[in-house]
Amino acid sequence: MNFGAEASAGAYAAAIQAVKASGAIVRVDPDSFLRMIGKNEHPVVIVAEEKIFKTRYKYLTSYGGFVFFTKSSTPLTISGRAEVVAARKIWVPS
């Protein structure tokens, strides 16, 4: 096995371990994410603003035993009843 193949296999194994450690992460569009937190009585939303080439906002919340993730180029308007937790970074396996 060459170095490139070993690196790819290692990255894949790391991603699989991350999913096992964190459970299922469901990616949804921003509108679905906002509808989901609207259904939750006491939502907790984790948000991170990331600036690499352009600003992106990433969001996580849990609902029904699953973790939901979305990202947006503009900040989402989160319901006032939600507890919003600011994080430096949100990383989800791809």
C-alpha atoms as a PDB file:
ATOM      1  CA  MET A   1       0.000   0.000   0.000  1.00  0.00           C
ATOM      2  CA  ASN A   2       1.419   3.412  -0.933  1.00  0.00           C
ATOM      3  CA  PHE A   3       1.477   6.482   1.328  1.00  0.00           C
ATOM      4  CA  GLY A   4      -1.584   8.103  -0.342  1.00  0.00           C
ATOM      5  CA  ALA A   5      -3.671   4.973   0.111  1.00  0.00           C
ATOM      6  CA  GLU A   6      -2.519   4.611   3.730  1.00  0.00           C
ATOM      7  CA  ALA A   7      -3.403   8.246   4.457  1.00  0.00           C
ATOM      8  CA  SER A   8      -6.839   7.808   2.864  1.00  0.00           C
ATOM      9  CA  ALA A   9      -7.476   4.634   4.840  1.00  0.00           C
ATOM     10  CA  GLY A  10      -6.377   6.372   8.038  1.00  0.00           C
ATOM     11  CA  ALA A  11      -8.648   9.367   7.387  1.00  0.00           C
ATOM     12  CA  TYR A  12     -11.577   7.058   6.666  1.00  0.00           C
ATOM     13  CA  ALA A  13     -10.959   5.086   9.872  1.00  0.00           C
ATOM     14  CA  ALA A  14     -10.780   8.337  11.876  1.00  0.00           C
ATOM     15  CA  ALA A  15     -14.083   9.511  10.396  1.00  0.00           C
ATOM     16  CA  ILE A  16     -15.757   6.188  11.238  1.00  0.00           C
ATOM     17  CA  GLN A  17     -14.476   6.421  14.831  1.00  0.00           C
ATOM     18  CA  ALA A  18     -15.782   9.999  15.103  1.00  0.00           C
ATOM     19  CA  VAL A  19     -19.242   8.894  13.985  1.00  0.00           C
ATOM     20  CA  LYS A  20     -19.193   6.013  16.466  1.00  0.00           C
ATOM     21  CA  ALA A  21     -18.170   8.364  19.273  1.00  0.00           C
ATOM     22  CA  SER A  22     -20.739  11.037  18.489  1.00  0.00           C
ATOM     23  CA  GLY A  23     -23.658   8.961  17.242  1.00  0.00           C
ATOM     24  CA  ALA A  24     -25.669   9.771  14.155  1.00  0.00           C
ATOM     25  CA  ILE A  25     -25.410  13.320  12.839  1.00  0.00           C
ATOM     26  CA  VAL A  26     -28.148  14.305  10.416  1.00  0.00           C
ATOM     27  CA  ARG A  27     -27.420  17.131   7.968  1.00  0.00           C
ATOM     28  CA  VAL A  28     -30.411  19.269   7.078  1.00  0.00           C
ATOM     29  CA  ASP A  29     -30.986  22.536   5.253  1.00  0.00           C
ATOM     30  CA  PRO A  30     -31.286  25.721   7.368  1.00  0.00           C
ATOM     31  CA  ASP A  31     -35.093  25.959   6.988  1.00  0.00           C
ATOM     32  CA  SER A  32     -35.579  22.376   8.209  1.00  0.00           C
ATOM     33  CA  PHE A  33     -33.222  23.101  11.109  1.00  0.00           C
ATOM     34  CA  LEU A  34     -35.269  26.134  12.173  1.00  0.00           C
ATOM     35  CA  ARG A  35     -38.524  24.137  11.941  1.00  0.00           C
ATOM     36  CA  MET A  36     -36.965  21.415  14.078  1.00  0.00           C
ATOM     37  CA  ILE A  37     -35.924  23.749  16.886  1.00  0.00           C
ATOM     38  CA  GLY A  38     -39.387  25.318  16.700  1.00  0.00           C
ATOM     39  CA  LYS A  39     -40.882  21.909  17.568  1.00  0.00           C
ATOM     40  CA  ASN A  40     -38.608  21.462  20.579  1.00  0.00           C
ATOM     41  CA  GLU A  41     -39.967  22.795  23.890  1.00  0.00           C
ATOM     42  CA  HIS A  42     -36.551  23.748  25.340  1.00  0.00           C
ATOM     43  CA  PRO A  43     -34.091  23.738  22.422  1.00  0.00           C
ATOM     44  CA  VAL A  44     -30.360  24.060  22.915  1.00  0.00           C
ATOM     45  CA  VAL A  45     -28.530  25.274  19.826  1.00  0.00           C
ATOM     46  CA  ILE A  46     -24.758  25.276  19.469  1.00  0.00           C
ATOM     47  CA  VAL A  47     -23.448  27.830  16.979  1.00  0.00           C
ATOM     48  CA  ALA A  48     -19.992  28.561  15.615  1.00  0.00           C
ATOM     49  CA  GLU A  49     -18.938  31.299  13.230  1.00  0.00           C
ATOM     50  CA  GLU A  50     -16.077  30.164  11.037  1.00  0.00           C
ATOM     51  CA  LYS A  51     -14.050  32.392   8.731  1.00  0.00           C
ATOM     52  CA  ILE A  52     -11.813  30.595   6.272  1.00  0.00           C
ATOM     53  CA  PHE A  53     -12.376  32.012   2.796  1.00  0.00           C
ATOM     54  CA  LYS A  54     -15.760  33.451   3.686  1.00  0.00           C
ATOM     55  CA  THR A  55     -17.896  33.454   6.818  1.00  0.00           C
ATOM     56  CA  ARG A  56     -19.998  30.359   7.497  1.00  0.00           C
ATOM     57  CA  TYR A  57     -22.292  29.735  10.427  1.00  0.00           C
ATOM     58  CA  LYS A  58     -22.614  26.164  11.685  1.00  0.00           C
ATOM     59  CA  TYR A  59     -25.362  24.933  13.986  1.00  0.00           C
ATOM     60  CA  LEU A  60     -26.074  21.789  16.009  1.00  0.00           C
ATOM     61  CA  THR A  61     -29.106  20.727  18.023  1.00  0.00           C
ATOM     62  CA  SER A  62     -30.606  17.475  19.235  1.00  0.00           C
ATOM     63  CA  TYR A  63     -34.136  16.271  18.630  1.00  0.00           C
ATOM     64  CA  GLY A  64     -35.706  12.853  19.006  1.00  0.00           C
ATOM     65  CA  GLY A  65     -32.406  11.236  19.983  1.00  0.00           C
ATOM     66  CA  PHE A  66     -30.552  12.492  16.909  1.00  0.00           C
ATOM     67  CA  VAL A  67     -28.073  15.328  16.422  1.00  0.00           C
ATOM     68  CA  PHE A  68     -28.968  17.723  13.612  1.00  0.00           C
ATOM     69  CA  PHE A  69     -26.442  19.904  11.798  1.00  0.00           C
ATOM     70  CA  THR A  70     -26.757  22.741   9.320  1.00  0.00           C
ATOM     71  CA  LYS A  71     -24.598  25.495   7.946  1.00  0.00           C
ATOM     72  CA  SER A  72     -25.469  28.822   6.407  1.00  0.00           C
ATOM     73  CA  SER A  73     -23.726  31.794   4.822  1.00  0.00           C
ATOM     74  CA  THR A  74     -25.902  34.132   6.923  1.00  0.00           C
ATOM     75  CA  PRO A  75     -26.807  33.921  10.629  1.00  0.00           C
ATOM     76  CA  LEU A  76     -30.057  32.080  11.380  1.00  0.00           C
ATOM     77  CA  THR A  77     -32.739  33.801  13.458  1.00  0.00           C
ATOM     78  CA  ILE A  78     -33.057  31.489  16.447  1.00  0.00           C
ATOM     79  CA  SER A  79     -36.206  31.503  18.574  1.00  0.00           C
ATOM     80  CA  GLY A  80     -35.953  33.546  21.782  1.00  0.00           C
ATOM     81  CA  ARG A  81     -36.837  30.515  23.911  1.00  0.00           C
ATOM     82  CA  ALA A  82     -33.787  28.604  22.675  1.00  0.00           C
ATOM     83  CA  GLU A  83     -30.628  28.418  24.716  1.00  0.00           C
ATOM     84  CA  VAL A  84     -27.819  29.353  22.345  1.00  0.00           C
ATOM     85  CA  VAL A  85     -24.312  28.154  23.143  1.00  0.00           C
ATOM     86  CA  ALA A  86     -21.422  29.769  21.292  1.00  0.00           C
ATOM     87  CA  ALA A  87     -18.598  27.446  20.285  1.00  0.00           C
ATOM     88  CA  ARG A  88     -15.239  28.286  18.763  1.00  0.00           C
ATOM     89  CA  LYS A  89     -15.601  25.514  16.218  1.00  0.00           C
ATOM     90  CA  ILE A  90     -18.028  22.807  15.161  1.00  0.00           C
ATOM     91  CA  TRP A  91     -16.563  19.810  13.362  1.00  0.00           C
ATOM     92  CA  VAL A  92     -18.660  16.986  11.953  1.00  0.00           C
ATOM     93  CA  PRO A  93     -17.310  14.023  10.006  1.00  0.00           C
ATOM     94  CA  SER A  94     -17.876  14.248   6.271  1.00  0.00           C
END
